[in-house]
Protein backbone atom coordinates (compact mmCIF):
# COMPACT_ATOMS: atom_id res chain seq x y z
CA MET A 1 18.49 -33.32 -21.63
CA LEU A 2 14.92 -34.31 -22.45
CA GLU A 3 14.91 -37.22 -19.70
CA LYS A 4 16.18 -34.02 -17.33
CA TYR A 5 13.10 -31.94 -18.44
CA LEU A 6 10.56 -34.74 -18.00
CA ASP A 7 11.80 -35.56 -14.60
CA ILE A 8 11.55 -31.65 -13.64
CA ILE A 9 7.65 -32.10 -15.06
CA VAL A 10 6.93 -35.14 -13.06
CA ASN A 11 8.63 -33.81 -9.96
CA SER A 12 6.77 -30.72 -9.97
CA TYR A 13 3.44 -32.04 -10.25
CA GLN A 14 3.96 -34.51 -7.31
CA GLY A 15 5.97 -31.86 -5.22
CA TYR A 16 2.82 -29.06 -5.80
CA PHE A 17 0.23 -31.48 -5.05
CA ASN A 18 1.74 -32.93 -1.91
CA TYR A 19 2.39 -29.53 -1.04
CA LEU A 20 -1.35 -28.45 -1.70
CA VAL A 21 -2.59 -31.36 0.36
CA LYS A 22 -0.45 -30.03 3.43
CA GLU A 23 -1.17 -27.17 2.96
CA ILE A 24 -4.97 -27.98 3.29
CA THR A 25 -4.45 -30.64 5.93
CA THR A 26 -2.04 -28.92 8.17
CA LEU A 27 -2.35 -25.73 10.04
CA SER A 28 0.71 -23.60 10.63
CA TRP A 29 1.67 -19.81 10.97
CA HIS A 30 2.77 -19.63 7.23
CA ASN A 31 0.23 -21.95 6.14
CA TYR A 32 -0.81 -20.17 2.56
CA PHE A 33 -4.14 -21.71 1.75
CA TYR A 34 -5.82 -20.64 5.24
CA GLY A 35 -3.74 -17.26 5.53
CA LEU A 36 -5.55 -16.46 2.07
CA ILE A 37 -8.93 -17.54 3.69
CA ALA A 38 -8.29 -15.49 6.88
CA VAL A 39 -7.05 -12.47 4.78
CA SER A 40 -10.29 -12.51 2.49
CA LEU A 41 -12.86 -13.08 5.45
CA PHE A 42 -11.20 -10.22 7.30
CA PHE A 43 -11.63 -7.82 4.57
CA TYR A 44 -15.36 -8.93 4.14
CA ALA A 45 -16.11 -8.36 7.92
CA LEU A 46 -14.72 -4.81 7.01
CA GLU A 47 -17.00 -4.56 4.26
CA LEU A 48 -20.26 -5.92 6.17
CA ILE A 49 -19.35 -3.71 9.21
CA VAL A 50 -18.79 -0.39 7.97
CA PRO A 51 -19.20 -0.48 4.16
CA TRP A 52 -17.94 2.55 1.81
CA ARG A 53 -20.89 2.04 -0.72
CA LYS A 54 -24.06 1.47 2.05
CA ASN A 55 -26.12 0.34 -0.98
CA GLN A 56 -24.26 -2.17 -2.31
CA PRO A 57 -25.51 -5.49 -1.76
CA LYS A 58 -23.47 -7.95 0.94
CA ILE A 59 -23.08 -10.63 -1.45
CA ARG A 60 -22.27 -8.10 -4.50
CA LYS A 61 -22.52 -8.82 -7.87
CA ASP A 62 -20.11 -11.90 -9.09
CA PHE A 63 -18.94 -12.45 -5.40
CA TRP A 64 -18.71 -16.40 -6.02
CA LEU A 65 -17.20 -16.01 -9.44
CA ASP A 66 -14.27 -14.08 -7.61
CA GLY A 67 -14.27 -16.48 -4.89
CA PHE A 68 -13.46 -19.34 -7.53
CA TYR A 69 -11.12 -16.98 -9.71
CA MET A 70 -9.44 -17.23 -6.08
CA PHE A 71 -8.85 -20.91 -5.45
CA PHE A 72 -8.28 -21.24 -9.49
CA ASN A 73 -5.67 -18.52 -9.82
CA PHE A 74 -3.80 -19.18 -6.76
CA PHE A 75 -3.86 -23.31 -6.26
CA ILE A 76 -5.37 -25.22 -9.42
CA PHE A 77 -4.19 -23.35 -12.15
CA PRO A 78 -0.32 -23.99 -10.72
CA LEU A 79 -1.31 -27.67 -10.37
CA ILE A 80 -2.50 -27.74 -13.82
CA LEU A 81 0.25 -26.27 -15.71
CA PHE A 82 1.83 -23.53 -14.24
CA ILE A 83 4.48 -24.98 -11.65
CA ALA A 84 5.52 -27.66 -14.09
CA VAL A 85 6.03 -25.11 -16.93
CA SER A 86 7.88 -22.62 -14.83
CA ASN A 87 10.35 -25.08 -13.38
CA VAL A 88 11.06 -26.13 -17.18
CA ALA A 89 11.66 -22.61 -18.12
CA SER A 90 13.80 -21.60 -15.29
CA GLN A 91 15.85 -24.61 -15.57
CA ALA A 92 15.90 -23.89 -19.74
CA PHE A 93 16.92 -20.68 -19.05
CA ASN A 94 20.03 -21.70 -16.44
CA ASP A 95 21.06 -24.39 -18.92
CA PHE A 96 20.98 -21.42 -21.74
CA LEU A 97 23.53 -19.41 -19.27
CA SER A 98 25.55 -22.10 -18.74
CA LEU A 99 26.30 -22.26 -22.54
CA PHE A 100 28.29 -19.30 -21.82
CA GLY A 101 29.93 -20.65 -18.65
CA ILE A 102 27.61 -18.65 -16.33
CA ALA A 103 26.79 -20.89 -13.26
CA ASN A 104 25.31 -17.68 -10.70
CA TRP A 105 23.69 -14.87 -12.88
CA ALA A 106 22.98 -12.99 -9.70
CA ALA A 107 24.45 -9.79 -10.63
CA ILE A 108 24.20 -8.12 -7.22
CA SER A 109 24.65 -9.66 -4.01
CA VAL A 110 22.11 -8.16 -0.89
CA LYS A 111 23.23 -10.75 1.52
CA SER A 112 25.75 -8.58 3.29
CA MET A 113 22.34 -6.53 3.93
CA PRO A 114 20.65 -6.93 6.77
CA LYS A 115 17.52 -8.98 6.51
CA TRP A 116 15.18 -5.87 7.05
CA GLY A 117 17.16 -3.84 4.25
CA GLN A 118 16.58 -6.84 1.65
CA LEU A 119 12.88 -7.13 2.17
CA LEU A 120 12.38 -3.33 1.21
CA LEU A 121 14.69 -3.60 -1.35
CA MET A 122 12.79 -6.42 -2.89
CA PHE A 123 9.60 -4.67 -2.10
CA PHE A 124 10.05 -2.01 -3.84
CA LEU A 125 11.71 -3.24 -6.64
CA ARG A 126 9.20 -6.07 -7.42
CA ASP A 127 6.25 -3.57 -6.96
CA PHE A 128 8.12 -1.05 -9.23
CA ILE A 129 8.47 -3.78 -11.77
CA GLN A 130 4.93 -4.63 -11.73
CA TRP A 131 3.67 -1.23 -12.06
CA ASN A 132 5.23 -1.20 -15.35
CA ILE A 133 4.00 -4.53 -16.00
CA HIS A 134 0.44 -3.33 -15.24
CA ARG A 135 0.94 -0.26 -17.29
CA LEU A 136 1.81 -2.74 -20.01
CA LEU A 137 -1.17 -4.71 -19.79
CA HIS A 138 -3.24 -1.86 -20.30
CA ARG A 139 -1.17 -0.02 -23.29
CA THR A 140 -0.54 -3.71 -25.58
CA PRO A 141 -3.92 -4.54 -27.25
CA PHE A 142 -2.83 -7.76 -26.97
CA LEU A 143 -2.36 -8.21 -23.07
CA TRP A 144 -5.41 -5.70 -23.02
CA GLU A 145 -7.63 -8.58 -23.89
CA PHE A 146 -6.67 -11.03 -20.79
CA HIS A 147 -6.40 -7.76 -18.75
CA LYS A 148 -10.56 -7.24 -19.36
CA VAL A 149 -11.36 -9.96 -17.05
CA HIS A 150 -10.15 -8.08 -14.16
CA HIS A 151 -11.77 -4.75 -15.43
CA SER A 152 -15.46 -6.77 -15.96
CA VAL A 153 -15.78 -6.32 -12.37
CA LYS A 154 -19.23 -3.96 -11.94
CA GLN A 155 -19.11 -3.92 -8.17
CA MET A 156 -16.24 -3.37 -6.30
CA GLY A 157 -15.37 -5.56 -3.15
CA PHE A 158 -12.24 -7.27 -1.68
CA ALA A 159 -12.65 -10.37 -3.97
CA ALA A 160 -12.37 -8.24 -7.33
CA GLN A 161 -8.67 -8.59 -6.73
CA LEU A 162 -8.62 -12.18 -7.45
CA ARG A 163 -10.46 -12.21 -10.67
CA PHE A 164 -7.91 -11.92 -13.32
CA HIS A 165 -7.12 -14.25 -16.26
CA TRP A 166 -4.62 -16.88 -15.17
CA MET A 167 -2.19 -15.40 -18.67
CA GLU A 168 -1.50 -12.38 -16.13
CA ASN A 169 0.36 -14.74 -13.66
CA VAL A 170 2.52 -15.81 -16.75
CA VAL A 171 3.15 -12.42 -17.99
CA TYR A 172 4.10 -11.10 -13.99
CA ARG A 173 6.25 -13.91 -13.28
CA THR A 174 7.77 -14.04 -16.55
CA LEU A 175 8.62 -10.58 -16.64
CA GLU A 176 9.83 -10.01 -12.74
CA PHE A 177 11.79 -13.57 -13.29
CA ILE A 178 15.41 -11.70 -14.57
CA PRO A 179 15.67 -8.37 -12.55
CA LEU A 180 14.58 -10.02 -9.37
CA GLY A 181 16.84 -13.23 -9.97
CA MET A 182 19.69 -11.16 -10.66
CA ILE A 183 19.73 -9.49 -7.32
CA GLY A 184 19.60 -12.95 -5.61
CA PHE A 185 16.71 -12.66 -3.51
CA GLY A 186 15.65 -15.91 -1.48
CA LEU A 187 11.92 -17.92 -1.94
CA GLN A 188 11.41 -16.96 1.66
CA ASP A 189 11.73 -13.42 0.85
CA PHE A 190 9.81 -13.24 -2.00
CA PHE A 191 7.13 -15.20 -0.09
CA ILE A 192 6.88 -12.91 2.72
CA VAL A 193 6.90 -9.77 0.12
CA HIS A 194 3.99 -11.25 -1.90
CA VAL A 195 1.37 -11.66 1.23
CA PHE A 196 2.00 -8.25 2.22
CA ALA A 197 1.58 -7.14 -1.25
CA LEU A 198 -1.61 -9.40 -1.23
CA THR A 199 -3.00 -7.96 1.78
CA VAL A 200 -2.55 -4.58 0.97
CA GLY A 201 -4.30 -5.62 -2.73
CA HIS A 202 -7.68 -7.14 -1.07
CA PHE A 203 -7.45 -3.59 1.12
CA ASN A 204 -7.22 -1.74 -2.24
CA HIS A 205 -10.25 -3.30 -3.97
CA ALA A 206 -12.48 -3.61 -0.58
CA ASN A 207 -15.62 -1.61 -0.27
CA PHE A 208 -14.36 0.01 2.83
CA LYS A 209 -12.63 3.71 3.43
CA MET A 210 -9.92 4.47 5.32
CA PRO A 211 -8.69 7.31 5.18
CA LEU A 212 -4.50 7.21 5.08
CA GLY A 213 -3.68 11.30 5.21
CA PRO A 214 -0.19 11.74 3.71
CA LEU A 215 0.03 8.22 3.55
CA LYS A 216 -2.24 8.00 0.56
CA TYR A 217 1.02 9.30 -1.59
CA ILE A 218 2.87 5.95 -0.54
CA PHE A 219 0.14 3.27 -0.23
CA ASN A 220 -2.46 2.55 -2.88
CA ASN A 221 -5.92 2.61 -1.21
CA PRO A 222 -9.64 1.83 -2.25
CA GLN A 223 -10.25 5.43 -2.82
CA MET A 224 -7.55 5.93 -5.19
CA HIS A 225 -7.65 2.54 -7.23
CA ILE A 226 -11.36 2.75 -7.50
CA TRP A 227 -10.85 5.24 -10.42
CA HIS A 228 -8.49 2.77 -12.10
CA HIS A 229 -11.37 0.61 -12.51
CA VAL A 230 -13.52 3.63 -13.95
CA LYS A 231 -15.52 2.60 -17.10
CA GLU A 232 -15.21 6.10 -18.66
CA LEU A 233 -11.61 7.17 -19.02
CA PRO A 234 -10.91 10.47 -17.97
CA PRO A 235 -9.42 13.09 -20.95
CA GLY A 236 -5.57 12.89 -21.27
CA TYR A 237 -5.77 9.46 -19.69
CA THR A 238 -5.91 7.14 -23.01
CA TYR A 239 -4.81 3.81 -21.40
CA GLY A 240 -6.14 4.45 -18.00
CA CYS A 241 -4.81 5.82 -14.37
CA ASN A 242 -3.38 4.71 -10.76
CA TYR A 243 -1.82 1.69 -12.04
CA GLY A 244 -0.13 1.17 -8.66
CA LEU A 245 -0.14 -2.04 -6.83
CA THR A 246 0.73 -1.76 -3.75
CA LEU A 247 2.37 1.66 -3.73
CA SER A 248 0.91 4.75 -5.50
CA LEU A 249 4.19 6.16 -5.18
CA TRP A 250 4.68 5.58 -8.50
CA ASP A 251 1.59 7.20 -10.14
CA TYR A 252 2.58 10.50 -8.42
CA LEU A 253 6.42 10.66 -9.36
CA PHE A 254 4.98 9.87 -13.34
CA LYS A 255 1.83 11.76 -13.08
CA THR A 256 -0.68 8.49 -14.06
CA ASP A 257 -2.63 9.43 -10.98
CA TYR A 258 -6.22 10.97 -11.15
CA ILE A 259 -8.55 11.23 -7.94
CA PRO A 260 -10.68 13.74 -9.27
CA GLY A 261 -13.47 13.21 -6.46
CA SER A 262 -14.20 10.26 -3.70
CA GLY A 263 -15.08 7.95 -6.77
CA ARG A 264 -17.68 6.36 -4.27
CA ASP A 265 -20.17 5.74 -7.02
CA ILE A 266 -18.84 6.01 -10.41
CA GLU A 267 -19.44 3.36 -12.87
CA LEU A 268 -17.14 0.72 -13.26
CA GLY A 269 -16.01 -1.69 -16.08
CA PHE A 270 -14.88 -0.75 -19.67
CA ALA A 271 -16.18 0.58 -22.76
CA GLY A 272 -17.89 -2.45 -24.60
CA ASP A 273 -18.41 -4.69 -21.59
CA GLU A 274 -22.01 -5.21 -22.08
CA THR A 275 -20.99 -7.61 -24.26
CA PHE A 276 -18.22 -9.18 -22.39
CA PRO A 277 -18.70 -12.68 -21.17
CA LYS A 278 -20.25 -13.26 -17.61
CA ARG A 279 -19.17 -17.06 -17.14
CA PHE A 280 -15.56 -18.23 -15.88
CA VAL A 281 -14.99 -20.61 -18.98
CA HIS A 282 -16.14 -18.33 -21.52
CA GLN A 283 -13.94 -15.77 -19.67
CA VAL A 284 -11.26 -17.68 -19.95
CA VAL A 285 -11.53 -18.48 -23.64
CA TYR A 286 -12.45 -14.98 -24.86
CA PRO A 287 -8.73 -13.51 -25.23
CA PHE A 288 -7.53 -16.60 -27.58
CA ILE A 289 -10.78 -16.32 -29.74
CA LYS A 290 -10.50 -12.17 -29.63
């Protein structure tokens, strides 16, 4: 048993390293490395051409720090630890189920549905799960210490989405694992939904204004998400508001929406952020010390 898990760890490191090298050295339509850079450059161009906050510097406060977070969270951290640990955890969970004679733990089969139906179902289900996890990050003191990294942003821009503690990767993927796995979604479906959600996330944090009309009640947007980052929480919203990642729908349904005005020039952050670390290493270590 131990040998099997050691093989998984070795194969995980080798496999992900080879994947990363291929991503960097090979161009293709599904290249995630350059795709992420392309999406980032697109929204940065919008911020430069038609900025919502015109007085905000073109290279805003902590722009390069957020850029480093992008490469660390999406590429370096998986290589250092996450891929190997997640693969071992997945195998351990399957081995545990096998003790009870469960070989396939997908409780619902979606393969009979058309492809567009599978993608739509996964998109809505995953976003609802993530909305609840996001609320959990705000309501649980231990998890909030990690989520503070994201809320330490003082000037909003597309790259602010990419500033988050690596522990959030662990929390989101762990809590998504069982409900999404029980429906039997494929890895390719997950990738498509992930890329779409990532793009909308760039949009939500961008220094850019695009009125959505009635669609604002379905999709998140910069004018809504800016209030999620407001420093002084409004009365009646003890833990925050506007938790939606891709969809604003859940906030309107569960009465956690709050948009009292444009929010263009509101102060961002959280109470006591004056003493929050400013450097990457200190931000990563802070929650554990705290």
